[in-house]
Amino acid sequence: MNFISVCIKVAMIVLALALVVYSSPLTDNKRNCQMNCELQDYKPICGTDDAGITRTFNNLCILKTENCLRTYTFQKTGDGVCP
């Protein structure tokens, strides 16, 4: 694994942590969102929402959690980073 790959993985983990920490609201009494994703489980996936916006997520758990917390509609459209 080269230095750039390690830096990218670390940056993605930091970004995921920041999203979880600064999400507003973190908890919602009306929703029961899963909040226990393995941030070290780096298996990037590409997701697309109803508007056709694509976004890379660190793993499927994070995609599902962000969908719940933010009422997004992302669906997995492929393995790996989005083109």
PDB file of N, CA and C in Angstrom:
ATOM      1  N   MET A   1       0.862  -1.173   0.000  1.00  0.00           N
ATOM      2  CA  MET A   1       0.000   0.000   0.000  1.00  0.00           C
ATOM      3  C   MET A   1       0.906   1.232   0.000  1.00  0.00           C
ATOM      4  N   ASN A   2       0.680   2.117  -0.955  1.00  0.00           N
ATOM      5  CA  ASN A   2       1.547   3.291  -1.024  1.00  0.00           C
ATOM      6  C   ASN A   2       1.038   4.417  -0.133  1.00  0.00           C
ATOM      7  N   PHE A   3       1.870   5.420   0.014  1.00  0.00           N
ATOM      8  CA  PHE A   3       1.604   6.535   0.925  1.00  0.00           C
ATOM      9  C   PHE A   3       0.306   7.259   0.573  1.00  0.00           C
ATOM     10  N   ILE A   4       0.057   7.481  -0.706  1.00  0.00           N
ATOM     11  CA  ILE A   4      -1.146   8.211  -1.128  1.00  0.00           C
ATOM     12  C   ILE A   4      -2.403   7.425  -0.763  1.00  0.00           C
ATOM     13  N   SER A   5      -2.378   6.118  -0.955  1.00  0.00           N
ATOM     14  CA  SER A   5      -3.540   5.292  -0.595  1.00  0.00           C
ATOM     15  C   SER A   5      -3.831   5.374   0.896  1.00  0.00           C
ATOM     16  N   VAL A   6      -2.783   5.337   1.699  1.00  0.00           N
ATOM     17  CA  VAL A   6      -2.958   5.431   3.146  1.00  0.00           C
ATOM     18  C   VAL A   6      -3.542   6.787   3.514  1.00  0.00           C
ATOM     19  N   CYS A   7      -3.022   7.853   2.902  1.00  0.00           N
ATOM     20  CA  CYS A   7      -3.529   9.204   3.182  1.00  0.00           C
ATOM     21  C   CYS A   7      -4.998   9.336   2.801  1.00  0.00           C
ATOM     22  N   ILE A   8      -5.380   8.762   1.668  1.00  0.00           N
ATOM     23  CA  ILE A   8      -6.776   8.832   1.229  1.00  0.00           C
ATOM     24  C   ILE A   8      -7.673   8.085   2.215  1.00  0.00           C
ATOM     25  N   LYS A   9      -7.252   6.912   2.657  1.00  0.00           N
ATOM     26  CA  LYS A   9      -8.058   6.145   3.614  1.00  0.00           C
ATOM     27  C   LYS A   9      -8.206   6.888   4.933  1.00  0.00           C
ATOM     28  N   VAL A  10      -7.104   7.474   5.410  1.00  0.00           N
ATOM     29  CA  VAL A  10      -7.160   8.236   6.662  1.00  0.00           C
ATOM     30  C   VAL A  10      -8.094   9.429   6.505  1.00  0.00           C
ATOM     31  N   ALA A  11      -7.999  10.123   5.373  1.00  0.00           N
ATOM     32  CA  ALA A  11      -8.869  11.277   5.132  1.00  0.00           C
ATOM     33  C   ALA A  11     -10.336  10.861   5.094  1.00  0.00           C
ATOM     34  N   MET A  12     -10.645   9.723   4.484  1.00  0.00           N
ATOM     35  CA  MET A  12     -12.030   9.243   4.418  1.00  0.00           C
ATOM     36  C   MET A  12     -12.546   8.895   5.816  1.00  0.00           C
ATOM     37  N   ILE A  13     -11.701   8.292   6.644  1.00  0.00           N
ATOM     38  CA  ILE A  13     -12.112   7.957   8.007  1.00  0.00           C
ATOM     39  C   ILE A  13     -12.370   9.222   8.809  1.00  0.00           C
ATOM     40  N   VAL A  14     -11.484  10.212   8.674  1.00  0.00           N
ATOM     41  CA  VAL A  14     -11.668  11.482   9.382  1.00  0.00           C
ATOM     42  C   VAL A  14     -12.948  12.161   8.912  1.00  0.00           C
ATOM     43  N   LEU A  15     -13.204  12.145   7.608  1.00  0.00           N
ATOM     44  CA  LEU A  15     -14.429  12.741   7.072  1.00  0.00           C
ATOM     45  C   LEU A  15     -15.665  12.032   7.618  1.00  0.00           C
ATOM     46  N   ALA A  16     -15.628  10.714   7.643  1.00  0.00           N
ATOM     47  CA  ALA A  16     -16.773   9.961   8.167  1.00  0.00           C
ATOM     48  C   ALA A  16     -17.013  10.285   9.636  1.00  0.00           C
ATOM     49  N   LEU A  17     -15.937  10.369  10.413  1.00  0.00           N
ATOM     50  CA  LEU A  17     -16.085  10.736  11.820  1.00  0.00           C
ATOM     51  C   LEU A  17     -16.669  12.130  11.970  1.00  0.00           C
ATOM     52  N   ALA A  18     -16.189  13.065  11.158  1.00  0.00           N
ATOM     53  CA  ALA A  18     -16.701  14.437  11.226  1.00  0.00           C
ATOM     54  C   ALA A  18     -18.183  14.474  10.876  1.00  0.00           C
ATOM     55  N   LEU A  19     -18.588  13.701   9.873  1.00  0.00           N
ATOM     56  CA  LEU A  19     -20.001  13.669   9.491  1.00  0.00           C
ATOM     57  C   LEU A  19     -20.867  13.140  10.625  1.00  0.00           C
ATOM     58  N   VAL A  20     -20.394  12.113  11.291  1.00  0.00           N
ATOM     59  CA  VAL A  20     -21.164  11.547  12.398  1.00  0.00           C
ATOM     60  C   VAL A  20     -21.219  12.521  13.570  1.00  0.00           C
ATOM     61  N   VAL A  21     -20.072  13.128  13.897  1.00  0.00           N
ATOM     62  CA  VAL A  21     -20.006  14.032  15.047  1.00  0.00           C
ATOM     63  C   VAL A  21     -20.812  15.298  14.815  1.00  0.00           C
ATOM     64  N   TYR A  22     -20.725  15.860  13.622  1.00  0.00           N
ATOM     65  CA  TYR A  22     -21.366  17.147  13.363  1.00  0.00           C
ATOM     66  C   TYR A  22     -22.729  17.031  12.693  1.00  0.00           C
ATOM     67  N   SER A  23     -23.238  15.818  12.554  1.00  0.00           N
ATOM     68  CA  SER A  23     -24.571  15.645  11.981  1.00  0.00           C
ATOM     69  C   SER A  23     -25.598  16.321  12.867  1.00  0.00           C
ATOM     70  N   SER A  24     -26.576  16.898  12.218  1.00  0.00           N
ATOM     71  CA  SER A  24     -27.596  17.594  12.991  1.00  0.00           C
ATOM     72  C   SER A  24     -28.962  17.130  12.526  1.00  0.00           C
ATOM     73  N   PRO A  25     -29.746  16.520  13.309  1.00  0.00           N
ATOM     74  CA  PRO A  25     -29.472  16.057  14.670  1.00  0.00           C
ATOM     75  C   PRO A  25     -28.808  14.696  14.645  1.00  0.00           C
ATOM     76  N   LEU A  26     -28.042  14.388  15.676  1.00  0.00           N
ATOM     77  CA  LEU A  26     -27.410  13.080  15.775  1.00  0.00           C
ATOM     78  C   LEU A  26     -28.429  12.008  16.111  1.00  0.00           C
ATOM     79  N   THR A  27     -29.402  12.364  16.907  1.00  0.00           N
ATOM     80  CA  THR A  27     -30.454  11.409  17.233  1.00  0.00           C
ATOM     81  C   THR A  27     -31.794  12.062  16.971  1.00  0.00           C
ATOM     82  N   ASP A  28     -32.725  11.266  16.627  1.00  0.00           N
ATOM     83  CA  ASP A  28     -34.064  11.750  16.348  1.00  0.00           C
ATOM     84  C   ASP A  28     -35.020  10.744  16.968  1.00  0.00           C
ATOM     85  N   ASN A  29     -35.864  11.215  17.851  1.00  0.00           N
ATOM     86  CA  ASN A  29     -36.778  10.317  18.546  1.00  0.00           C
ATOM     87  C   ASN A  29     -37.745   9.619  17.598  1.00  0.00           C
ATOM     88  N   LYS A  30     -37.984  10.182  16.423  1.00  0.00           N
ATOM     89  CA  LYS A  30     -38.922   9.586  15.477  1.00  0.00           C
ATOM     90  C   LYS A  30     -38.270   8.491  14.640  1.00  0.00           C
ATOM     91  N   ARG A  31     -36.944   8.494  14.556  1.00  0.00           N
ATOM     92  CA  ARG A  31     -36.224   7.506  13.751  1.00  0.00           C
ATOM     93  C   ARG A  31     -35.275   6.720  14.637  1.00  0.00           C
ATOM     94  N   ASN A  32     -35.060   5.491  14.290  1.00  0.00           N
ATOM     95  CA  ASN A  32     -34.105   4.658  15.003  1.00  0.00           C
ATOM     96  C   ASN A  32     -32.955   4.352  14.052  1.00  0.00           C
ATOM     97  N   CYS A  33     -32.006   5.293  13.940  1.00  0.00           N
ATOM     98  CA  CYS A  33     -30.901   5.164  12.999  1.00  0.00           C
ATOM     99  C   CYS A  33     -29.750   4.380  13.618  1.00  0.00           C
ATOM    100  N   GLN A  34     -29.221   3.455  12.842  1.00  0.00           N
ATOM    101  CA  GLN A  34     -28.047   2.705  13.276  1.00  0.00           C
ATOM    102  C   GLN A  34     -26.859   3.658  13.340  1.00  0.00           C
ATOM    103  N   MET A  35     -26.125   3.632  14.438  1.00  0.00           N
ATOM    104  CA  MET A  35     -24.988   4.542  14.610  1.00  0.00           C
ATOM    105  C   MET A  35     -23.715   3.778  14.956  1.00  0.00           C
ATOM    106  N   ASN A  36     -23.639   2.509  14.633  1.00  0.00           N
ATOM    107  CA  ASN A  36     -22.474   1.724  15.044  1.00  0.00           C
ATOM    108  C   ASN A  36     -21.734   1.117  13.858  1.00  0.00           C
ATOM    109  N   CYS A  37     -21.464   1.923  12.849  1.00  0.00           N
ATOM    110  CA  CYS A  37     -20.714   1.455  11.682  1.00  0.00           C
ATOM    111  C   CYS A  37     -19.240   1.309  12.034  1.00  0.00           C
ATOM    112  N   GLU A  38     -18.609   0.330  11.436  1.00  0.00           N
ATOM    113  CA  GLU A  38     -17.168   0.145  11.589  1.00  0.00           C
ATOM    114  C   GLU A  38     -16.465   1.104  10.640  1.00  0.00           C
ATOM    115  N   LEU A  39     -15.882   2.168  11.181  1.00  0.00           N
ATOM    116  CA  LEU A  39     -15.209   3.159  10.346  1.00  0.00           C
ATOM    117  C   LEU A  39     -13.931   2.597   9.736  1.00  0.00           C
ATOM    118  N   GLN A  40     -13.352   1.574  10.369  1.00  0.00           N
ATOM    119  CA  GLN A  40     -12.149   0.966   9.820  1.00  0.00           C
ATOM    120  C   GLN A  40     -12.470   0.027   8.663  1.00  0.00           C
ATOM    121  N   ASP A  41     -13.732  -0.319   8.486  1.00  0.00           N
ATOM    122  CA  ASP A  41     -14.160  -1.226   7.422  1.00  0.00           C
ATOM    123  C   ASP A  41     -14.262  -0.434   6.125  1.00  0.00           C
ATOM    124  N   TYR A  42     -13.110  -0.162   5.514  1.00  0.00           N
ATOM    125  CA  TYR A  42     -13.064   0.672   4.310  1.00  0.00           C
ATOM    126  C   TYR A  42     -13.303  -0.185   3.077  1.00  0.00           C
ATOM    127  N   LYS A  43     -14.546  -0.190   2.621  1.00  0.00           N
ATOM    128  CA  LYS A  43     -14.947  -0.878   1.394  1.00  0.00           C
ATOM    129  C   LYS A  43     -15.810   0.112   0.621  1.00  0.00           C
ATOM    130  N   PRO A  44     -15.166   1.076  -0.065  1.00  0.00           N
ATOM    131  CA  PRO A  44     -15.922   2.161  -0.686  1.00  0.00           C
ATOM    132  C   PRO A  44     -16.971   1.660  -1.673  1.00  0.00           C
ATOM    133  N   ILE A  45     -18.097   2.367  -1.651  1.00  0.00           N
ATOM    134  CA  ILE A  45     -19.166   2.080  -2.604  1.00  0.00           C
ATOM    135  C   ILE A  45     -19.643   3.395  -3.198  1.00  0.00           C
ATOM    136  N   CYS A  46     -20.195   3.301  -4.380  1.00  0.00           N
ATOM    137  CA  CYS A  46     -20.768   4.471  -5.036  1.00  0.00           C
ATOM    138  C   CYS A  46     -22.277   4.421  -4.843  1.00  0.00           C
ATOM    139  N   GLY A  47     -22.842   5.550  -4.468  1.00  0.00           N
ATOM    140  CA  GLY A  47     -24.283   5.643  -4.287  1.00  0.00           C
ATOM    141  C   GLY A  47     -24.861   6.767  -5.125  1.00  0.00           C
ATOM    142  N   THR A  48     -26.084   6.591  -5.556  1.00  0.00           N
ATOM    143  CA  THR A  48     -26.788   7.606  -6.336  1.00  0.00           C
ATOM    144  C   THR A  48     -28.139   7.851  -5.683  1.00  0.00           C
ATOM    145  N   ASP A  49     -28.523   9.139  -5.601  1.00  0.00           N
ATOM    146  CA  ASP A  49     -29.819   9.457  -4.994  1.00  0.00           C
ATOM    147  C   ASP A  49     -30.879   9.657  -6.070  1.00  0.00           C
ATOM    148  N   ASP A  50     -32.090   9.996  -5.640  1.00  0.00           N
ATOM    149  CA  ASP A  50     -33.213  10.156  -6.567  1.00  0.00           C
ATOM    150  C   ASP A  50     -33.001  11.272  -7.578  1.00  0.00           C
ATOM    151  N   ALA A  51     -32.161  12.253  -7.240  1.00  0.00           N
ATOM    152  CA  ALA A  51     -31.887  13.376  -8.140  1.00  0.00           C
ATOM    153  C   ALA A  51     -30.746  13.068  -9.103  1.00  0.00           C
ATOM    154  N   GLY A  52     -30.148  11.881  -8.989  1.00  0.00           N
ATOM    155  CA  GLY A  52     -29.049  11.504  -9.866  1.00  0.00           C
ATOM    156  C   GLY A  52     -27.678  11.933  -9.367  1.00  0.00           C
ATOM    157  N   ILE A  53     -27.616  12.439  -8.138  1.00  0.00           N
ATOM    158  CA  ILE A  53     -26.343  12.849  -7.550  1.00  0.00           C
ATOM    159  C   ILE A  53     -25.606  11.600  -7.081  1.00  0.00           C
ATOM    160  N   THR A  54     -24.317  11.506  -7.434  1.00  0.00           N
ATOM    161  CA  THR A  54     -23.517  10.368  -6.990  1.00  0.00           C
ATOM    162  C   THR A  54     -22.573  10.804  -5.884  1.00  0.00           C
ATOM    163  N   ARG A  55     -22.284   9.860  -5.003  1.00  0.00           N
ATOM    164  CA  ARG A  55     -21.406  10.145  -3.869  1.00  0.00           C
ATOM    165  C   ARG A  55     -20.764   8.844  -3.410  1.00  0.00           C
ATOM    166  N   THR A  56     -19.504   8.931  -3.020  1.00  0.00           N
ATOM    167  CA  THR A  56     -18.784   7.771  -2.502  1.00  0.00           C
ATOM    168  C   THR A  56     -18.938   7.704  -0.987  1.00  0.00           C
ATOM    169  N   PHE A  57     -19.240   6.516  -0.489  1.00  0.00           N
ATOM    170  CA  PHE A  57     -19.349   6.258   0.945  1.00  0.00           C
ATOM    171  C   PHE A  57     -18.282   5.238   1.327  1.00  0.00           C
ATOM    172  N   ASN A  58     -17.781   5.314   2.561  1.00  0.00           N
ATOM    173  CA  ASN A  58     -16.740   4.381   3.015  1.00  0.00           C
ATOM    174  C   ASN A  58     -17.210   2.934   3.012  1.00  0.00           C
ATOM    175  N   ASN A  59     -18.497   2.712   3.285  1.00  0.00           N
ATOM    176  CA  ASN A  59     -19.063   1.365   3.250  1.00  0.00           C
ATOM    177  C   ASN A  59     -20.592   1.485   3.240  1.00  0.00           C
ATOM    178  N   LEU A  60     -21.263   0.369   3.042  1.00  0.00           N
ATOM    179  CA  LEU A  60     -22.725   0.364   2.937  1.00  0.00           C
ATOM    180  C   LEU A  60     -23.394   0.810   4.233  1.00  0.00           C
ATOM    181  N   CYS A  61     -22.814   0.467   5.363  1.00  0.00           N
ATOM    182  CA  CYS A  61     -23.386   0.869   6.654  1.00  0.00           C
ATOM    183  C   CYS A  61     -23.446   2.390   6.769  1.00  0.00           C
ATOM    184  N   ILE A  62     -22.386   3.064   6.362  1.00  0.00           N
ATOM    185  CA  ILE A  62     -22.364   4.526   6.444  1.00  0.00           C
ATOM    186  C   ILE A  62     -23.393   5.124   5.493  1.00  0.00           C
ATOM    187  N   LEU A  63     -23.548   4.563   4.304  1.00  0.00           N
ATOM    188  CA  LEU A  63     -24.582   5.038   3.376  1.00  0.00           C
ATOM    189  C   LEU A  63     -25.958   4.938   4.035  1.00  0.00           C
ATOM    190  N   LYS A  64     -26.264   3.781   4.611  1.00  0.00           N
ATOM    191  CA  LYS A  64     -27.577   3.586   5.237  1.00  0.00           C
ATOM    192  C   LYS A  64     -27.783   4.511   6.434  1.00  0.00           C
ATOM    193  N   THR A  65     -26.739   4.709   7.233  1.00  0.00           N
ATOM    194  CA  THR A  65     -26.844   5.588   8.399  1.00  0.00           C
ATOM    195  C   THR A  65     -27.095   7.026   7.979  1.00  0.00           C
ATOM    196  N   GLU A  66     -26.350   7.507   6.986  1.00  0.00           N
ATOM    197  CA  GLU A  66     -26.552   8.878   6.525  1.00  0.00           C
ATOM    198  C   GLU A  66     -27.925   9.042   5.880  1.00  0.00           C
ATOM    199  N   ASN A  67     -28.397   8.029   5.160  1.00  0.00           N
ATOM    200  CA  ASN A  67     -29.756   8.091   4.616  1.00  0.00           C
ATOM    201  C   ASN A  67     -30.768   8.290   5.737  1.00  0.00           C
ATOM    202  N   CYS A  68     -30.598   7.570   6.816  1.00  0.00           N
ATOM    203  CA  CYS A  68     -31.530   7.653   7.942  1.00  0.00           C
ATOM    204  C   CYS A  68     -31.423   8.995   8.660  1.00  0.00           C
ATOM    205  N   LEU A  69     -30.197   9.393   8.990  1.00  0.00           N
ATOM    206  CA  LEU A  69     -30.001  10.626   9.758  1.00  0.00           C
ATOM    207  C   LEU A  69     -30.427  11.870   8.991  1.00  0.00           C
ATOM    208  N   ARG A  70     -30.144  11.889   7.713  1.00  0.00           N
ATOM    209  CA  ARG A  70     -30.368  13.097   6.911  1.00  0.00           C
ATOM    210  C   ARG A  70     -31.534  12.952   5.931  1.00  0.00           C
ATOM    211  N   THR A  71     -32.239  11.863   6.021  1.00  0.00           N
ATOM    212  CA  THR A  71     -33.340  11.544   5.100  1.00  0.00           C
ATOM    213  C   THR A  71     -32.899  11.634   3.641  1.00  0.00           C
ATOM    214  N   TYR A  72     -31.687  11.134   3.362  1.00  0.00           N
ATOM    215  CA  TYR A  72     -31.199  11.006   1.987  1.00  0.00           C
ATOM    216  C   TYR A  72     -31.848   9.782   1.355  1.00  0.00           C
ATOM    217  N   THR A  73     -31.679   9.655   0.050  1.00  0.00           N
ATOM    218  CA  THR A  73     -32.246   8.517  -0.671  1.00  0.00           C
ATOM    219  C   THR A  73     -31.183   7.776  -1.483  1.00  0.00           C
ATOM    220  N   PHE A  74     -29.935   7.792  -1.016  1.00  0.00           N
ATOM    221  CA  PHE A  74     -28.863   7.137  -1.770  1.00  0.00           C
ATOM    222  C   PHE A  74     -29.055   5.630  -1.794  1.00  0.00           C
ATOM    223  N   GLN A  75     -28.804   5.056  -2.955  1.00  0.00           N
ATOM    224  CA  GLN A  75     -28.818   3.613  -3.152  1.00  0.00           C
ATOM    225  C   GLN A  75     -27.458   3.216  -3.707  1.00  0.00           C
ATOM    226  N   LYS A  76     -26.976   2.063  -3.315  1.00  0.00           N
ATOM    227  CA  LYS A  76     -25.698   1.572  -3.834  1.00  0.00           C
ATOM    228  C   LYS A  76     -25.838   1.312  -5.322  1.00  0.00           C
ATOM    229  N   THR A  77     -24.907   1.894  -6.103  1.00  0.00           N
ATOM    230  CA  THR A  77     -24.923   1.681  -7.549  1.00  0.00           C
ATOM    231  C   THR A  77     -23.676   0.972  -8.038  1.00  0.00           C
ATOM    232  N   GLY A  78     -22.705   0.774  -7.147  1.00  0.00           N
ATOM    233  CA  GLY A  78     -21.505   0.054  -7.552  1.00  0.00           C
ATOM    234  C   GLY A  78     -20.489  -0.033  -6.436  1.00  0.00           C
ATOM    235  N   ASP A  79     -19.560  -0.960  -6.606  1.00  0.00           N
ATOM    236  CA  ASP A  79     -18.459  -1.093  -5.657  1.00  0.00           C
ATOM    237  C   ASP A  79     -17.349  -0.133  -6.047  1.00  0.00           C
ATOM    238  N   GLY A  80     -16.630   0.371  -5.051  1.00  0.00           N
ATOM    239  CA  GLY A  80     -15.514   1.274  -5.301  1.00  0.00           C
ATOM    240  C   GLY A  80     -15.950   2.727  -5.329  1.00  0.00           C
ATOM    241  N   VAL A  81     -14.953   3.583  -5.532  1.00  0.00           N
ATOM    242  CA  VAL A  81     -15.168   5.028  -5.570  1.00  0.00           C
ATOM    243  C   VAL A  81     -15.967   5.394  -6.815  1.00  0.00           C
ATOM    244  N   CYS A  82     -16.852   6.361  -6.688  1.00  0.00           N
ATOM    245  CA  CYS A  82     -17.642   6.821  -7.838  1.00  0.00           C
ATOM    246  C   CYS A  82     -16.720   7.433  -8.894  1.00  0.00           C
ATOM    247  N   PRO A  83     -17.059   7.242 -10.154  1.00  0.00           N
ATOM    248  CA  PRO A  83     -16.242   7.844 -11.230  1.00  0.00           C
ATOM    249  C   PRO A  83     -16.371   9.353 -11.251  1.00  0.00           C
TER     250      PRO A  83
END
